[in-house]
Amino acid sequence: MTPKKIPMRLCLGCNAQMPKREMIRVVHQKDGTILLDMTGKQAGRGAYICPKLTCLRAARKAHRLEKAFSCRIDDAVYDALETALQESAGQQEGSDHA
């Protein structure tokens, strides 16, 4: 029996290739909203980043999300993504200690 293929994705921030489950999906929905998709199942065009603030900031600096989604992204959206990423990192750290 052949081993199950693990889907790999590239991080927009650091260009590292990692398994899809270890990365966070950023979604551009049809209505124009951009948000973090922790489940990886929301509808819309997706791009992936590592679960690190440095990767999100690098993607922001190089306008990589704008290139991936072919649209202009406001600073408020990036700030909201940073906040959501920090909150999810805090929840993951808390669940590791339980």
PDB file of N, CA and C in Angstrom:
ATOM      1  N   MET A   1       0.843  -1.178   0.000  1.00  0.00           N
ATOM      2  CA  MET A   1       0.000   0.000   0.000  1.00  0.00           C
ATOM      3  C   MET A   1       0.892   1.246   0.000  1.00  0.00           C
ATOM      4  N   THR A   2       0.562   2.209  -0.831  1.00  0.00           N
ATOM      5  CA  THR A   2       1.371   3.424  -0.915  1.00  0.00           C
ATOM      6  C   THR A   2       1.044   4.359   0.239  1.00  0.00           C
ATOM      7  N   PRO A   3       2.043   5.080   0.736  1.00  0.00           N
ATOM      8  CA  PRO A   3       1.779   6.018   1.837  1.00  0.00           C
ATOM      9  C   PRO A   3       0.893   7.167   1.366  1.00  0.00           C
ATOM     10  N   LYS A   4       0.097   7.681   2.291  1.00  0.00           N
ATOM     11  CA  LYS A   4      -0.831   8.761   1.966  1.00  0.00           C
ATOM     12  C   LYS A   4      -0.055  10.046   1.683  1.00  0.00           C
ATOM     13  N   LYS A   5      -0.424  10.721   0.615  1.00  0.00           N
ATOM     14  CA  LYS A   5       0.249  11.957   0.230  1.00  0.00           C
ATOM     15  C   LYS A   5      -0.156  13.083   1.175  1.00  0.00           C
ATOM     16  N   ILE A   6       0.838  13.836   1.636  1.00  0.00           N
ATOM     17  CA  ILE A   6       0.585  14.969   2.522  1.00  0.00           C
ATOM     18  C   ILE A   6       0.625  16.237   1.677  1.00  0.00           C
ATOM     19  N   PRO A   7      -0.485  17.005   1.625  1.00  0.00           N
ATOM     20  CA  PRO A   7      -0.475  18.234   0.831  1.00  0.00           C
ATOM     21  C   PRO A   7       0.470  19.269   1.428  1.00  0.00           C
ATOM     22  N   MET A   8       1.312  19.843   0.587  1.00  0.00           N
ATOM     23  CA  MET A   8       2.286  20.839   1.018  1.00  0.00           C
ATOM     24  C   MET A   8       1.890  22.205   0.467  1.00  0.00           C
ATOM     25  N   ARG A   9       2.202  23.254   1.214  1.00  0.00           N
ATOM     26  CA  ARG A   9       1.920  24.629   0.800  1.00  0.00           C
ATOM     27  C   ARG A   9       3.137  25.502   1.086  1.00  0.00           C
ATOM     28  N   LEU A  10       3.267  26.594   0.320  1.00  0.00           N
ATOM     29  CA  LEU A  10       4.338  27.564   0.519  1.00  0.00           C
ATOM     30  C   LEU A  10       3.840  28.724   1.362  1.00  0.00           C
ATOM     31  N   CYS A  11       4.654  29.156   2.298  1.00  0.00           N
ATOM     32  CA  CYS A  11       4.342  30.323   3.118  1.00  0.00           C
ATOM     33  C   CYS A  11       4.624  31.581   2.299  1.00  0.00           C
ATOM     34  N   LEU A  12       3.689  32.532   2.316  1.00  0.00           N
ATOM     35  CA  LEU A  12       3.887  33.791   1.604  1.00  0.00           C
ATOM     36  C   LEU A  12       4.927  34.669   2.280  1.00  0.00           C
ATOM     37  N   GLY A  13       5.174  34.450   3.559  1.00  0.00           N
ATOM     38  CA  GLY A  13       6.118  35.284   4.285  1.00  0.00           C
ATOM     39  C   GLY A  13       7.558  34.832   4.149  1.00  0.00           C
ATOM     40  N   CYS A  14       7.819  33.545   4.415  1.00  0.00           N
ATOM     41  CA  CYS A  14       9.202  33.051   4.439  1.00  0.00           C
ATOM     42  C   CYS A  14       9.522  32.095   3.296  1.00  0.00           C
ATOM     43  N   ASN A  15       8.519  31.761   2.482  1.00  0.00           N
ATOM     44  CA  ASN A  15       8.683  30.855   1.338  1.00  0.00           C
ATOM     45  C   ASN A  15       9.043  29.430   1.743  1.00  0.00           C
ATOM     46  N   ALA A  16       8.814  29.068   2.986  1.00  0.00           N
ATOM     47  CA  ALA A  16       9.078  27.700   3.437  1.00  0.00           C
ATOM     48  C   ALA A  16       7.932  26.794   2.997  1.00  0.00           C
ATOM     49  N   GLN A  17       8.261  25.579   2.619  1.00  0.00           N
ATOM     50  CA  GLN A  17       7.250  24.609   2.248  1.00  0.00           C
ATOM     51  C   GLN A  17       6.972  23.723   3.450  1.00  0.00           C
ATOM     52  N   MET A  18       5.696  23.681   3.846  1.00  0.00           N
ATOM     53  CA  MET A  18       5.295  22.919   5.027  1.00  0.00           C
ATOM     54  C   MET A  18       3.993  22.182   4.740  1.00  0.00           C
ATOM     55  N   PRO A  19       3.664  21.178   5.554  1.00  0.00           N
ATOM     56  CA  PRO A  19       2.365  20.520   5.399  1.00  0.00           C
ATOM     57  C   PRO A  19       1.221  21.516   5.600  1.00  0.00           C
ATOM     58  N   LYS A  20       0.179  21.346   4.821  1.00  0.00           N
ATOM     59  CA  LYS A  20      -0.974  22.249   4.837  1.00  0.00           C
ATOM     60  C   LYS A  20      -1.565  22.408   6.234  1.00  0.00           C
ATOM     61  N   ARG A  21      -1.618  21.340   6.998  1.00  0.00           N
ATOM     62  CA  ARG A  21      -2.232  21.383   8.335  1.00  0.00           C
ATOM     63  C   ARG A  21      -1.456  22.231   9.334  1.00  0.00           C
ATOM     64  N   GLU A  22      -0.165  22.445   9.089  1.00  0.00           N
ATOM     65  CA  GLU A  22       0.660  23.234  10.001  1.00  0.00           C
ATOM     66  C   GLU A  22       0.615  24.727   9.682  1.00  0.00           C
ATOM     67  N   MET A  23      -0.057  25.083   8.594  1.00  0.00           N
ATOM     68  CA  MET A  23      -0.091  26.477   8.161  1.00  0.00           C
ATOM     69  C   MET A  23      -1.473  27.075   8.395  1.00  0.00           C
ATOM     70  N   ILE A  24      -1.537  28.384   8.295  1.00  0.00           N
ATOM     71  CA  ILE A  24      -2.806  29.096   8.464  1.00  0.00           C
ATOM     72  C   ILE A  24      -3.219  29.652   7.114  1.00  0.00           C
ATOM     73  N   ARG A  25      -4.476  29.439   6.770  1.00  0.00           N
ATOM     74  CA  ARG A  25      -5.008  29.890   5.488  1.00  0.00           C
ATOM     75  C   ARG A  25      -5.617  31.275   5.651  1.00  0.00           C
ATOM     76  N   VAL A  26      -5.261  32.169   4.747  1.00  0.00           N
ATOM     77  CA  VAL A  26      -5.879  33.488   4.670  1.00  0.00           C
ATOM     78  C   VAL A  26      -6.832  33.426   3.490  1.00  0.00           C
ATOM     79  N   VAL A  27      -8.095  33.826   3.697  1.00  0.00           N
ATOM     80  CA  VAL A  27      -9.130  33.663   2.683  1.00  0.00           C
ATOM     81  C   VAL A  27      -9.612  35.007   2.169  1.00  0.00           C
ATOM     82  N   HIS A  28      -9.747  35.099   0.846  1.00  0.00           N
ATOM     83  CA  HIS A  28     -10.382  36.248   0.199  1.00  0.00           C
ATOM     84  C   HIS A  28     -11.734  35.759  -0.299  1.00  0.00           C
ATOM     85  N   GLN A  29     -12.805  36.190   0.371  1.00  0.00           N
ATOM     86  CA  GLN A  29     -14.139  35.723   0.034  1.00  0.00           C
ATOM     87  C   GLN A  29     -14.725  36.537  -1.116  1.00  0.00           C
ATOM     88  N   LYS A  30     -15.800  36.026  -1.710  1.00  0.00           N
ATOM     89  CA  LYS A  30     -16.419  36.688  -2.855  1.00  0.00           C
ATOM     90  C   LYS A  30     -16.891  38.098  -2.547  1.00  0.00           C
ATOM     91  N   ASP A  31     -17.309  38.334  -1.305  1.00  0.00           N
ATOM     92  CA  ASP A  31     -17.797  39.669  -0.946  1.00  0.00           C
ATOM     93  C   ASP A  31     -16.659  40.649  -0.674  1.00  0.00           C
ATOM     94  N   GLY A  32     -15.405  40.198  -0.792  1.00  0.00           N
ATOM     95  CA  GLY A  32     -14.254  41.076  -0.640  1.00  0.00           C
ATOM     96  C   GLY A  32     -13.601  41.046   0.729  1.00  0.00           C
ATOM     97  N   THR A  33     -14.194  40.347   1.686  1.00  0.00           N
ATOM     98  CA  THR A  33     -13.593  40.290   3.016  1.00  0.00           C
ATOM     99  C   THR A  33     -12.390  39.346   3.011  1.00  0.00           C
ATOM    100  N   ILE A  34     -11.428  39.685   3.848  1.00  0.00           N
ATOM    101  CA  ILE A  34     -10.221  38.875   3.990  1.00  0.00           C
ATOM    102  C   ILE A  34     -10.087  38.516   5.456  1.00  0.00           C
ATOM    103  N   LEU A  35      -9.938  37.222   5.741  1.00  0.00           N
ATOM    104  CA  LEU A  35      -9.851  36.778   7.131  1.00  0.00           C
ATOM    105  C   LEU A  35      -9.024  35.517   7.254  1.00  0.00           C
ATOM    106  N   LEU A  36      -8.652  35.197   8.494  1.00  0.00           N
ATOM    107  CA  LEU A  36      -7.918  33.962   8.765  1.00  0.00           C
ATOM    108  C   LEU A  36      -8.899  32.801   8.828  1.00  0.00           C
ATOM    109  N   ASP A  37      -8.529  31.703   8.223  1.00  0.00           N
ATOM    110  CA  ASP A  37      -9.350  30.497   8.223  1.00  0.00           C
ATOM    111  C   ASP A  37      -8.579  29.409   8.957  1.00  0.00           C
ATOM    112  N   MET A  38      -8.882  29.233  10.225  1.00  0.00           N
ATOM    113  CA  MET A  38      -8.160  28.255  11.035  1.00  0.00           C
ATOM    114  C   MET A  38      -8.529  26.813  10.668  1.00  0.00           C
ATOM    115  N   THR A  39      -9.726  26.602  10.106  1.00  0.00           N
ATOM    116  CA  THR A  39     -10.150  25.252   9.749  1.00  0.00           C
ATOM    117  C   THR A  39      -9.667  24.844   8.364  1.00  0.00           C
ATOM    118  N   GLY A  40      -9.400  25.827   7.503  1.00  0.00           N
ATOM    119  CA  GLY A  40      -8.967  25.534   6.146  1.00  0.00           C
ATOM    120  C   GLY A  40     -10.091  25.116   5.230  1.00  0.00           C
ATOM    121  N   LYS A  41     -11.347  25.386   5.619  1.00  0.00           N
ATOM    122  CA  LYS A  41     -12.485  24.912   4.839  1.00  0.00           C
ATOM    123  C   LYS A  41     -13.423  26.015   4.360  1.00  0.00           C
ATOM    124  N   GLN A  42     -13.129  27.265   4.678  1.00  0.00           N
ATOM    125  CA  GLN A  42     -14.027  28.337   4.260  1.00  0.00           C
ATOM    126  C   GLN A  42     -13.944  28.547   2.756  1.00  0.00           C
ATOM    127  N   ALA A  43     -15.056  29.006   2.186  1.00  0.00           N
ATOM    128  CA  ALA A  43     -15.121  29.254   0.754  1.00  0.00           C
ATOM    129  C   ALA A  43     -14.323  30.499   0.402  1.00  0.00           C
ATOM    130  N   GLY A  44     -13.696  30.469  -0.746  1.00  0.00           N
ATOM    131  CA  GLY A  44     -12.948  31.618  -1.223  1.00  0.00           C
ATOM    132  C   GLY A  44     -11.535  31.240  -1.613  1.00  0.00           C
ATOM    133  N   ARG A  45     -10.847  32.194  -2.211  1.00  0.00           N
ATOM    134  CA  ARG A  45      -9.456  31.976  -2.629  1.00  0.00           C
ATOM    135  C   ARG A  45      -8.562  31.998  -1.407  1.00  0.00           C
ATOM    136  N   GLY A  46      -7.661  31.054  -1.316  1.00  0.00           N
ATOM    137  CA  GLY A  46      -6.810  30.945  -0.141  1.00  0.00           C
ATOM    138  C   GLY A  46      -5.338  31.146  -0.441  1.00  0.00           C
ATOM    139  N   ALA A  47      -4.636  31.643   0.561  1.00  0.00           N
ATOM    140  CA  ALA A  47      -3.179  31.758   0.542  1.00  0.00           C
ATOM    141  C   ALA A  47      -2.708  31.340   1.931  1.00  0.00           C
ATOM    142  N   TYR A  48      -1.499  30.842   2.030  1.00  0.00           N
ATOM    143  CA  TYR A  48      -1.041  30.256   3.285  1.00  0.00           C
ATOM    144  C   TYR A  48       0.146  31.004   3.873  1.00  0.00           C
ATOM    145  N   ILE A  49       0.160  31.082   5.215  1.00  0.00           N
ATOM    146  CA  ILE A  49       1.293  31.641   5.947  1.00  0.00           C
ATOM    147  C   ILE A  49       1.597  30.726   7.131  1.00  0.00           C
ATOM    148  N   CYS A  50       2.840  30.793   7.593  1.00  0.00           N
ATOM    149  CA  CYS A  50       3.221  30.079   8.814  1.00  0.00           C
ATOM    150  C   CYS A  50       2.507  30.741   9.994  1.00  0.00           C
ATOM    151  N   PRO A  51       2.289  30.022  11.079  1.00  0.00           N
ATOM    152  CA  PRO A  51       1.614  30.631  12.238  1.00  0.00           C
ATOM    153  C   PRO A  51       2.554  31.508  13.058  1.00  0.00           C
ATOM    154  N   LYS A  52       3.290  32.397  12.392  1.00  0.00           N
ATOM    155  CA  LYS A  52       4.224  33.306  13.060  1.00  0.00           C
ATOM    156  C   LYS A  52       3.931  34.730  12.611  1.00  0.00           C
ATOM    157  N   LEU A  53       4.031  35.672  13.540  1.00  0.00           N
ATOM    158  CA  LEU A  53       3.823  37.076  13.189  1.00  0.00           C
ATOM    159  C   LEU A  53       4.869  37.563  12.200  1.00  0.00           C
ATOM    160  N   THR A  54       6.086  37.048  12.298  1.00  0.00           N
ATOM    161  CA  THR A  54       7.142  37.499  11.390  1.00  0.00           C
ATOM    162  C   THR A  54       6.794  37.181   9.937  1.00  0.00           C
ATOM    163  N   CYS A  55       6.156  36.049   9.706  1.00  0.00           N
ATOM    164  CA  CYS A  55       5.772  35.681   8.340  1.00  0.00           C
ATOM    165  C   CYS A  55       4.651  36.583   7.826  1.00  0.00           C
ATOM    166  N   LEU A  56       3.678  36.884   8.672  1.00  0.00           N
ATOM    167  CA  LEU A  56       2.603  37.786   8.256  1.00  0.00           C
ATOM    168  C   LEU A  56       3.159  39.171   7.957  1.00  0.00           C
ATOM    169  N   ARG A  57       4.077  39.634   8.789  1.00  0.00           N
ATOM    170  CA  ARG A  57       4.675  40.960   8.566  1.00  0.00           C
ATOM    171  C   ARG A  57       5.521  40.982   7.293  1.00  0.00           C
ATOM    172  N   ALA A  58       6.238  39.901   7.015  1.00  0.00           N
ATOM    173  CA  ALA A  58       7.032  39.831   5.782  1.00  0.00           C
ATOM    174  C   ALA A  58       6.121  39.820   4.555  1.00  0.00           C
ATOM    175  N   ALA A  59       5.013  39.085   4.632  1.00  0.00           N
ATOM    176  CA  ALA A  59       4.052  39.056   3.527  1.00  0.00           C
ATOM    177  C   ALA A  59       3.422  40.434   3.329  1.00  0.00           C
ATOM    178  N   ARG A  60       3.185  41.134   4.423  1.00  0.00           N
ATOM    179  CA  ARG A  60       2.614  42.478   4.357  1.00  0.00           C
ATOM    180  C   ARG A  60       3.599  43.452   3.712  1.00  0.00           C
ATOM    181  N   LYS A  61       4.849  43.376   4.121  1.00  0.00           N
ATOM    182  CA  LYS A  61       5.873  44.291   3.614  1.00  0.00           C
ATOM    183  C   LYS A  61       6.089  44.116   2.109  1.00  0.00           C
ATOM    184  N   ALA A  62       6.056  42.882   1.634  1.00  0.00           N
ATOM    185  CA  ALA A  62       6.284  42.588   0.219  1.00  0.00           C
ATOM    186  C   ALA A  62       4.988  42.583  -0.597  1.00  0.00           C
ATOM    187  N   HIS A  63       3.864  42.911   0.030  1.00  0.00           N
ATOM    188  CA  HIS A  63       2.543  42.957  -0.633  1.00  0.00           C
ATOM    189  C   HIS A  63       2.185  41.610  -1.274  1.00  0.00           C
ATOM    190  N   ARG A  64       2.568  40.529  -0.634  1.00  0.00           N
ATOM    191  CA  ARG A  64       2.337  39.205  -1.219  1.00  0.00           C
ATOM    192  C   ARG A  64       0.873  38.780  -1.169  1.00  0.00           C
ATOM    193  N   LEU A  65       0.145  39.183  -0.121  1.00  0.00           N
ATOM    194  CA  LEU A  65      -1.286  38.856  -0.090  1.00  0.00           C
ATOM    195  C   LEU A  65      -2.020  39.611  -1.191  1.00  0.00           C
ATOM    196  N   GLU A  66      -1.637  40.858  -1.425  1.00  0.00           N
ATOM    197  CA  GLU A  66      -2.261  41.640  -2.490  1.00  0.00           C
ATOM    198  C   GLU A  66      -2.008  40.991  -3.851  1.00  0.00           C
ATOM    199  N   LYS A  67      -0.813  40.472  -4.055  1.00  0.00           N
ATOM    200  CA  LYS A  67      -0.493  39.801  -5.316  1.00  0.00           C
ATOM    201  C   LYS A  67      -1.261  38.484  -5.440  1.00  0.00           C
ATOM    202  N   ALA A  68      -1.370  37.754  -4.347  1.00  0.00           N
ATOM    203  CA  ALA A  68      -2.067  36.461  -4.372  1.00  0.00           C
ATOM    204  C   ALA A  68      -3.559  36.634  -4.641  1.00  0.00           C
ATOM    205  N   PHE A  69      -4.144  37.702  -4.100  1.00  0.00           N
ATOM    206  CA  PHE A  69      -5.581  37.916  -4.244  1.00  0.00           C
ATOM    207  C   PHE A  69      -5.937  38.917  -5.340  1.00  0.00           C
ATOM    208  N   SER A  70      -4.944  39.524  -5.967  1.00  0.00           N
ATOM    209  CA  SER A  70      -5.151  40.515  -7.032  1.00  0.00           C
ATOM    210  C   SER A  70      -6.083  41.637  -6.600  1.00  0.00           C
ATOM    211  N   CYS A  71      -5.849  42.162  -5.409  1.00  0.00           N
ATOM    212  CA  CYS A  71      -6.656  43.271  -4.909  1.00  0.00           C
ATOM    213  C   CYS A  71      -5.844  44.089  -3.912  1.00  0.00           C
ATOM    214  N   ARG A  72      -6.314  45.278  -3.632  1.00  0.00           N
ATOM    215  CA  ARG A  72      -5.675  46.165  -2.651  1.00  0.00           C
ATOM    216  C   ARG A  72      -6.182  45.777  -1.273  1.00  0.00           C
ATOM    217  N   ILE A  73      -5.272  45.690  -0.293  1.00  0.00           N
ATOM    218  CA  ILE A  73      -5.648  45.328   1.071  1.00  0.00           C
ATOM    219  C   ILE A  73      -5.294  46.488   1.989  1.00  0.00           C
ATOM    220  N   ASP A  74      -6.287  46.965   2.743  1.00  0.00           N
ATOM    221  CA  ASP A  74      -6.082  48.087   3.655  1.00  0.00           C
ATOM    222  C   ASP A  74      -5.240  47.670   4.856  1.00  0.00           C
ATOM    223  N   ASP A  75      -4.601  48.666   5.475  1.00  0.00           N
ATOM    224  CA  ASP A  75      -3.802  48.409   6.674  1.00  0.00           C
ATOM    225  C   ASP A  75      -4.662  47.871   7.813  1.00  0.00           C
ATOM    226  N   ALA A  76      -5.926  48.290   7.878  1.00  0.00           N
ATOM    227  CA  ALA A  76      -6.827  47.813   8.931  1.00  0.00           C
ATOM    228  C   ALA A  76      -7.027  46.300   8.835  1.00  0.00           C
ATOM    229  N   VAL A  77      -7.061  45.779   7.621  1.00  0.00           N
ATOM    230  CA  VAL A  77      -7.222  44.332   7.426  1.00  0.00           C
ATOM    231  C   VAL A  77      -5.983  43.601   7.933  1.00  0.00           C
ATOM    232  N   TYR A  78      -4.797  44.131   7.611  1.00  0.00           N
ATOM    233  CA  TYR A  78      -3.563  43.519   8.101  1.00  0.00           C
ATOM    234  C   TYR A  78      -3.507  43.554   9.630  1.00  0.00           C
ATOM    235  N   ASP A  79      -3.934  44.677  10.216  1.00  0.00           N
ATOM    236  CA  ASP A  79      -3.943  44.784  11.678  1.00  0.00           C
ATOM    237  C   ASP A  79      -4.891  43.758  12.288  1.00  0.00           C
ATOM    238  N   ALA A  80      -6.061  43.565  11.659  1.00  0.00           N
ATOM    239  CA  ALA A  80      -7.024  42.574  12.148  1.00  0.00           C
ATOM    240  C   ALA A  80      -6.453  41.161  12.019  1.00  0.00           C
ATOM    241  N   LEU A  81      -5.736  40.889  10.929  1.00  0.00           N
ATOM    242  CA  LEU A  81      -5.113  39.577  10.751  1.00  0.00           C
ATOM    243  C   LEU A  81      -4.042  39.335  11.810  1.00  0.00           C
ATOM    244  N   GLU A  82      -3.255  40.370  12.120  1.00  0.00           N
ATOM    245  CA  GLU A  82      -2.233  40.239  13.172  1.00  0.00           C
ATOM    246  C   GLU A  82      -2.870  39.936  14.518  1.00  0.00           C
ATOM    247  N   THR A  83      -3.949  40.655  14.834  1.00  0.00           N
ATOM    248  CA  THR A  83      -4.648  40.435  16.104  1.00  0.00           C
ATOM    249  C   THR A  83      -5.198  39.014  16.176  1.00  0.00           C
ATOM    250  N   ALA A  84      -5.826  38.556  15.090  1.00  0.00           N
ATOM    251  CA  ALA A  84      -6.385  37.203  15.064  1.00  0.00           C
ATOM    252  C   ALA A  84      -5.285  36.155  15.190  1.00  0.00           C
ATOM    253  N   LEU A  85      -4.144  36.405  14.565  1.00  0.00           N
ATOM    254  CA  LEU A  85      -3.026  35.464  14.649  1.00  0.00           C
ATOM    255  C   LEU A  85      -2.462  35.408  16.062  1.00  0.00           C
ATOM    256  N   GLN A  86      -2.367  36.560  16.714  1.00  0.00           N
ATOM    257  CA  GLN A  86      -1.888  36.597  18.097  1.00  0.00           C
ATOM    258  C   GLN A  86      -2.852  35.867  19.023  1.00  0.00           C
ATOM    259  N   GLU A  87      -4.156  36.062  18.814  1.00  0.00           N
ATOM    260  CA  GLU A  87      -5.156  35.389  19.650  1.00  0.00           C
ATOM    261  C   GLU A  87      -5.102  33.880  19.451  1.00  0.00           C
ATOM    262  N   SER A  88      -4.961  33.439  18.213  1.00  0.00           N
ATOM    263  CA  SER A  88      -4.913  31.993  17.967  1.00  0.00           C
ATOM    264  C   SER A  88      -3.642  31.386  18.542  1.00  0.00           C
ATOM    265  N   ALA A  89      -2.540  32.124  18.496  1.00  0.00           N
ATOM    266  CA  ALA A  89      -1.291  31.631  19.087  1.00  0.00           C
ATOM    267  C   ALA A  89      -1.432  31.520  20.600  1.00  0.00           C
ATOM    268  N   GLY A  90      -2.121  32.461  21.219  1.00  0.00           N
ATOM    269  CA  GLY A  90      -2.350  32.419  22.661  1.00  0.00           C
ATOM    270  C   GLY A  90      -3.218  31.243  23.057  1.00  0.00           C
ATOM    271  N   GLN A  91      -4.233  30.936  22.247  1.00  0.00           N
ATOM    272  CA  GLN A  91      -5.102  29.801  22.535  1.00  0.00           C
ATOM    273  C   GLN A  91      -4.347  28.490  22.368  1.00  0.00           C
ATOM    274  N   GLN A  92      -3.485  28.405  21.355  1.00  0.00           N
ATOM    275  CA  GLN A  92      -2.719  27.181  21.135  1.00  0.00           C
ATOM    276  C   GLN A  92      -1.734  26.947  22.264  1.00  0.00           C
ATOM    277  N   GLU A  93      -1.087  28.023  22.740  1.00  0.00           N
ATOM    278  CA  GLU A  93      -0.147  27.881  23.852  1.00  0.00           C
ATOM    279  C   GLU A  93      -0.877  27.440  25.110  1.00  0.00           C
ATOM    280  N   GLY A  94      -2.063  27.986  25.330  1.00  0.00           N
ATOM    281  CA  GLY A  94      -2.839  27.622  26.508  1.00  0.00           C
ATOM    282  C   GLY A  94      -3.292  26.175  26.464  1.00  0.00           C
ATOM    283  N   SER A  95      -3.624  25.677  25.272  1.00  0.00           N
ATOM    284  CA  SER A  95      -4.081  24.298  25.165  1.00  0.00           C
ATOM    285  C   SER A  95      -2.923  23.310  25.287  1.00  0.00           C
ATOM    286  N   ASP A  96      -1.697  23.745  24.983  1.00  0.00           N
ATOM    287  CA  ASP A  96      -0.542  22.859  25.116  1.00  0.00           C
ATOM    288  C   ASP A  96      -0.237  22.537  26.571  1.00  0.00           C
ATOM    289  N   HIS A  97      -0.515  23.484  27.462  1.00  0.00           N
ATOM    290  CA  HIS A  97      -0.194  23.298  28.876  1.00  0.00           C
ATOM    291  C   HIS A  97      -1.267  22.523  29.630  1.00  0.00           C
ATOM    292  N   ALA A  98      -2.425  22.353  29.040  1.00  0.00           N
ATOM    293  CA  ALA A  98      -3.527  21.686  29.731  1.00  0.00           C
ATOM    294  C   ALA A  98      -3.340  20.193  29.777  1.00  0.00           C
TER     295      ALA A  98
END
